[in-house]
Amino acid sequence: MPREGISARGRRLLVEGRLNVLKVDREAIRATCKGESGTVHQLSWTSAADWFCSCPARSRCAHLVALMLVTIEPGGTWTSAADVISRHEDPFEGVAQ
């Protein structure tokens, strides 16, 4: 069986309900994400510090992919908190299960 890629793992974390977005505004994004081992990782973005995850990955991780999927519009445009909230009415819409 092929190994699951980072993007696929990030989508799966969303489907499994492991991402908890705590704050989204123009200055910062904060969230937590429960990893495969059950460890809860701290995630964030700020304009000064860019993207951050407390997991041991040295580059982009599945936790950040999950957060980016709900905070960045296709094409790379940052979205507003209102857009993020409205999209969470049905978080599984369009996601293959």
N, C-alpha and C. Protein backbone atom coordinates (compact mmCIF):
# COMPACT_ATOMS: atom_id res chain seq x y z
N MET A 1 0.85 -1.18 0.00
CA MET A 1 0.00 0.00 0.00
C MET A 1 0.89 1.24 0.00
N PRO A 2 0.62 2.22 -0.88
CA PRO A 2 1.45 3.42 -0.92
C PRO A 2 1.29 4.25 0.35
N ARG A 3 2.37 4.93 0.70
CA ARG A 3 2.36 5.78 1.89
C ARG A 3 1.50 7.02 1.63
N GLU A 4 0.73 7.42 2.61
CA GLU A 4 -0.15 8.58 2.50
C GLU A 4 0.69 9.87 2.50
N GLY A 5 0.47 10.74 1.53
CA GLY A 5 1.21 11.99 1.44
C GLY A 5 0.73 13.02 2.44
N ILE A 6 1.52 14.09 2.58
CA ILE A 6 1.21 15.15 3.54
C ILE A 6 -0.14 15.80 3.24
N SER A 7 -0.41 16.09 1.98
CA SER A 7 -1.68 16.74 1.63
C SER A 7 -2.87 15.84 1.96
N ALA A 8 -2.76 14.56 1.65
CA ALA A 8 -3.84 13.62 1.95
C ALA A 8 -4.03 13.49 3.46
N ARG A 9 -2.93 13.45 4.20
CA ARG A 9 -3.03 13.37 5.67
C ARG A 9 -3.69 14.62 6.24
N GLY A 10 -3.36 15.79 5.68
CA GLY A 10 -3.98 17.03 6.14
C GLY A 10 -5.48 17.02 5.93
N ARG A 11 -5.91 16.56 4.75
CA ARG A 11 -7.36 16.45 4.48
C ARG A 11 -8.01 15.45 5.44
N ARG A 12 -7.32 14.34 5.71
CA ARG A 12 -7.88 13.34 6.62
C ARG A 12 -8.02 13.89 8.04
N LEU A 13 -7.05 14.69 8.49
CA LEU A 13 -7.16 15.30 9.81
C LEU A 13 -8.42 16.16 9.91
N LEU A 14 -8.75 16.86 8.83
CA LEU A 14 -10.00 17.64 8.81
C LEU A 14 -11.22 16.76 8.89
N VAL A 15 -11.26 15.72 8.06
CA VAL A 15 -12.41 14.81 8.02
C VAL A 15 -12.62 14.14 9.38
N GLU A 16 -11.53 13.82 10.04
CA GLU A 16 -11.61 13.16 11.35
C GLU A 16 -11.89 14.13 12.49
N GLY A 17 -11.99 15.41 12.19
CA GLY A 17 -12.33 16.40 13.22
C GLY A 17 -11.20 16.70 14.19
N ARG A 18 -9.97 16.55 13.77
CA ARG A 18 -8.83 16.74 14.67
C ARG A 18 -8.35 18.19 14.77
N LEU A 19 -8.80 19.06 13.86
CA LEU A 19 -8.37 20.45 13.86
C LEU A 19 -9.36 21.31 14.63
N ASN A 20 -8.85 22.17 15.49
CA ASN A 20 -9.67 23.09 16.26
C ASN A 20 -9.13 24.51 16.03
N VAL A 21 -9.82 25.30 15.22
CA VAL A 21 -9.40 26.67 14.94
C VAL A 21 -9.87 27.55 16.09
N LEU A 22 -8.92 28.23 16.74
CA LEU A 22 -9.21 29.03 17.92
C LEU A 22 -9.37 30.51 17.61
N LYS A 23 -8.60 31.01 16.63
CA LYS A 23 -8.62 32.44 16.32
C LYS A 23 -8.23 32.64 14.87
N VAL A 24 -8.97 33.50 14.18
CA VAL A 24 -8.61 33.91 12.81
C VAL A 24 -8.91 35.40 12.70
N ASP A 25 -7.87 36.19 12.48
CA ASP A 25 -8.06 37.59 12.15
C ASP A 25 -6.89 38.05 11.28
N ARG A 26 -6.83 39.32 10.98
CA ARG A 26 -5.80 39.83 10.06
C ARG A 26 -4.39 39.73 10.64
N GLU A 27 -4.26 39.67 11.95
CA GLU A 27 -2.94 39.62 12.57
C GLU A 27 -2.45 38.21 12.86
N ALA A 28 -3.37 37.28 13.10
CA ALA A 28 -2.93 35.96 13.53
C ALA A 28 -4.00 34.89 13.31
N ILE A 29 -3.52 33.68 13.20
CA ILE A 29 -4.36 32.48 13.18
C ILE A 29 -3.80 31.56 14.25
N ARG A 30 -4.67 31.00 15.08
CA ARG A 30 -4.25 30.04 16.09
C ARG A 30 -5.17 28.83 16.04
N ALA A 31 -4.57 27.66 16.23
CA ALA A 31 -5.35 26.42 16.21
C ALA A 31 -4.60 25.34 16.96
N THR A 32 -5.30 24.24 17.22
CA THR A 32 -4.67 23.03 17.72
C THR A 32 -5.07 21.90 16.79
N CYS A 33 -4.23 20.88 16.74
CA CYS A 33 -4.53 19.72 15.91
C CYS A 33 -4.03 18.47 16.61
N LYS A 34 -4.91 17.52 16.78
CA LYS A 34 -4.55 16.26 17.43
C LYS A 34 -3.89 15.35 16.39
N GLY A 35 -2.63 15.01 16.63
CA GLY A 35 -1.86 14.20 15.70
C GLY A 35 -2.18 12.72 15.79
N GLU A 36 -1.48 11.93 14.98
CA GLU A 36 -1.70 10.48 14.92
C GLU A 36 -1.48 9.80 16.27
N SER A 37 -0.50 10.28 17.04
CA SER A 37 -0.18 9.65 18.32
C SER A 37 -1.08 10.14 19.46
N GLY A 38 -1.96 11.11 19.16
CA GLY A 38 -2.83 11.66 20.18
C GLY A 38 -2.29 12.95 20.77
N THR A 39 -1.06 13.33 20.40
CA THR A 39 -0.48 14.57 20.87
C THR A 39 -1.19 15.76 20.24
N VAL A 40 -1.50 16.76 21.04
CA VAL A 40 -2.15 17.97 20.52
C VAL A 40 -1.05 18.98 20.20
N HIS A 41 -0.98 19.36 18.93
CA HIS A 41 0.04 20.30 18.46
C HIS A 41 -0.54 21.71 18.38
N GLN A 42 0.28 22.68 18.71
CA GLN A 42 -0.09 24.09 18.62
C GLN A 42 0.27 24.60 17.23
N LEU A 43 -0.68 25.25 16.56
CA LEU A 43 -0.47 25.77 15.22
C LEU A 43 -0.72 27.27 15.23
N SER A 44 0.02 27.99 14.38
CA SER A 44 -0.22 29.42 14.30
C SER A 44 0.31 29.99 13.01
N TRP A 45 -0.19 31.17 12.70
CA TRP A 45 0.35 32.01 11.64
C TRP A 45 0.30 33.43 12.14
N THR A 46 1.37 34.17 11.93
CA THR A 46 1.37 35.62 12.15
C THR A 46 2.11 36.25 10.98
N SER A 47 1.80 37.49 10.71
CA SER A 47 2.47 38.16 9.60
C SER A 47 3.96 38.31 9.87
N ALA A 48 4.35 38.37 11.14
CA ALA A 48 5.76 38.52 11.49
C ALA A 48 6.51 37.19 11.49
N ALA A 49 5.83 36.10 11.88
CA ALA A 49 6.54 34.83 12.06
C ALA A 49 6.17 33.75 11.05
N ASP A 50 5.18 33.99 10.19
CA ASP A 50 4.74 33.02 9.19
C ASP A 50 4.06 31.82 9.87
N TRP A 51 4.06 30.66 9.24
CA TRP A 51 3.38 29.46 9.75
C TRP A 51 4.25 28.73 10.76
N PHE A 52 3.59 28.16 11.80
CA PHE A 52 4.31 27.42 12.84
C PHE A 52 3.47 26.23 13.30
N CYS A 53 4.14 25.10 13.54
CA CYS A 53 3.52 23.94 14.18
C CYS A 53 4.50 23.39 15.20
N SER A 54 4.00 23.00 16.35
CA SER A 54 4.85 22.50 17.43
C SER A 54 5.29 21.05 17.24
N CYS A 55 4.85 20.40 16.17
CA CYS A 55 5.27 19.01 15.93
C CYS A 55 6.74 18.97 15.51
N PRO A 56 7.35 17.79 15.53
CA PRO A 56 8.78 17.71 15.21
C PRO A 56 9.13 17.77 13.72
N ALA A 57 8.17 17.90 12.84
CA ALA A 57 8.47 17.96 11.40
C ALA A 57 9.35 19.17 11.11
N ARG A 58 10.27 19.01 10.19
CA ARG A 58 11.20 20.09 9.86
C ARG A 58 10.70 20.98 8.72
N SER A 59 9.67 20.55 8.04
CA SER A 59 9.10 21.35 6.96
C SER A 59 7.59 21.30 7.08
N ARG A 60 6.89 21.64 6.01
CA ARG A 60 5.42 21.65 6.05
C ARG A 60 4.91 20.29 6.53
N CYS A 61 3.97 20.32 7.44
CA CYS A 61 3.41 19.09 8.01
C CYS A 61 1.92 18.99 7.70
N ALA A 62 1.35 17.83 7.95
CA ALA A 62 -0.07 17.60 7.70
C ALA A 62 -0.94 18.49 8.59
N HIS A 63 -0.47 18.82 9.78
CA HIS A 63 -1.25 19.67 10.69
C HIS A 63 -1.44 21.06 10.07
N LEU A 64 -0.33 21.61 9.51
CA LEU A 64 -0.43 22.91 8.86
C LEU A 64 -1.23 22.84 7.57
N VAL A 65 -1.13 21.74 6.84
CA VAL A 65 -1.94 21.57 5.63
C VAL A 65 -3.42 21.66 6.01
N ALA A 66 -3.82 20.98 7.07
CA ALA A 66 -5.22 21.02 7.51
C ALA A 66 -5.64 22.45 7.83
N LEU A 67 -4.81 23.18 8.55
CA LEU A 67 -5.14 24.56 8.90
C LEU A 67 -5.20 25.45 7.66
N MET A 68 -4.25 25.26 6.75
CA MET A 68 -4.24 26.06 5.53
C MET A 68 -5.47 25.79 4.67
N LEU A 69 -5.96 24.57 4.68
CA LEU A 69 -7.14 24.23 3.89
C LEU A 69 -8.38 25.02 4.31
N VAL A 70 -8.45 25.41 5.57
CA VAL A 70 -9.63 26.16 6.04
C VAL A 70 -9.37 27.65 6.22
N THR A 71 -8.13 28.11 5.97
CA THR A 71 -7.84 29.54 6.15
C THR A 71 -7.29 30.22 4.91
N ILE A 72 -6.97 29.48 3.87
CA ILE A 72 -6.44 30.07 2.65
C ILE A 72 -7.35 29.70 1.48
N GLU A 73 -7.75 30.70 0.73
CA GLU A 73 -8.59 30.47 -0.45
C GLU A 73 -7.75 29.80 -1.54
N PRO A 74 -8.37 29.04 -2.43
CA PRO A 74 -7.63 28.50 -3.57
C PRO A 74 -6.92 29.63 -4.31
N GLY A 75 -5.67 29.40 -4.67
CA GLY A 75 -4.87 30.43 -5.30
C GLY A 75 -3.99 31.18 -4.33
N GLY A 76 -4.11 30.85 -3.03
CA GLY A 76 -3.20 31.41 -2.04
C GLY A 76 -3.65 32.67 -1.34
N THR A 77 -4.88 33.10 -1.51
CA THR A 77 -5.35 34.32 -0.87
C THR A 77 -5.86 34.02 0.53
N TRP A 78 -5.42 34.81 1.49
CA TRP A 78 -5.89 34.66 2.86
C TRP A 78 -7.37 35.00 2.91
N THR A 79 -8.12 34.28 3.72
CA THR A 79 -9.56 34.51 3.81
C THR A 79 -9.91 35.17 5.14
N SER A 80 -11.06 35.76 5.22
CA SER A 80 -11.48 36.43 6.45
C SER A 80 -12.07 35.44 7.44
N ALA A 81 -12.13 35.83 8.69
CA ALA A 81 -12.71 34.98 9.72
C ALA A 81 -14.16 34.64 9.40
N ALA A 82 -14.91 35.59 8.87
CA ALA A 82 -16.32 35.34 8.53
C ALA A 82 -16.43 34.24 7.48
N ASP A 83 -15.52 34.24 6.49
CA ASP A 83 -15.54 33.20 5.47
C ASP A 83 -15.23 31.84 6.07
N VAL A 84 -14.26 31.79 6.97
CA VAL A 84 -13.89 30.53 7.62
C VAL A 84 -15.08 29.99 8.41
N ILE A 85 -15.73 30.86 9.18
CA ILE A 85 -16.87 30.44 9.99
C ILE A 85 -18.01 29.94 9.10
N SER A 86 -18.31 30.67 8.02
CA SER A 86 -19.42 30.26 7.16
C SER A 86 -19.13 28.93 6.48
N ARG A 87 -17.88 28.65 6.18
CA ARG A 87 -17.54 27.38 5.54
C ARG A 87 -17.63 26.21 6.51
N HIS A 88 -17.65 26.46 7.80
CA HIS A 88 -17.72 25.38 8.78
C HIS A 88 -19.13 24.93 9.09
N GLU A 89 -20.13 25.46 8.40
CA GLU A 89 -21.49 24.98 8.62
C GLU A 89 -21.60 23.51 8.25
N ASP A 90 -20.91 23.08 7.21
CA ASP A 90 -20.83 21.68 6.84
C ASP A 90 -19.39 21.36 6.47
N PRO A 91 -18.53 21.05 7.47
CA PRO A 91 -17.10 20.88 7.21
C PRO A 91 -16.78 19.70 6.32
N PHE A 92 -17.70 18.79 6.09
CA PHE A 92 -17.42 17.59 5.28
C PHE A 92 -17.98 17.69 3.86
N GLU A 93 -18.62 18.81 3.54
CA GLU A 93 -19.17 18.96 2.19
C GLU A 93 -18.05 18.91 1.16
N GLY A 94 -18.21 18.05 0.18
CA GLY A 94 -17.24 17.93 -0.89
C GLY A 94 -16.03 17.08 -0.57
N VAL A 95 -15.97 16.53 0.64
CA VAL A 95 -14.83 15.69 1.04
C VAL A 95 -15.22 14.23 0.87
N ALA A 96 -14.45 13.51 0.08
CA ALA A 96 -14.71 12.08 -0.10
C ALA A 96 -14.43 11.34 1.20
N GLN A 97 -15.33 10.44 1.55
CA GLN A 97 -15.15 9.71 2.81
C GLN A 97 -14.94 8.24 2.56
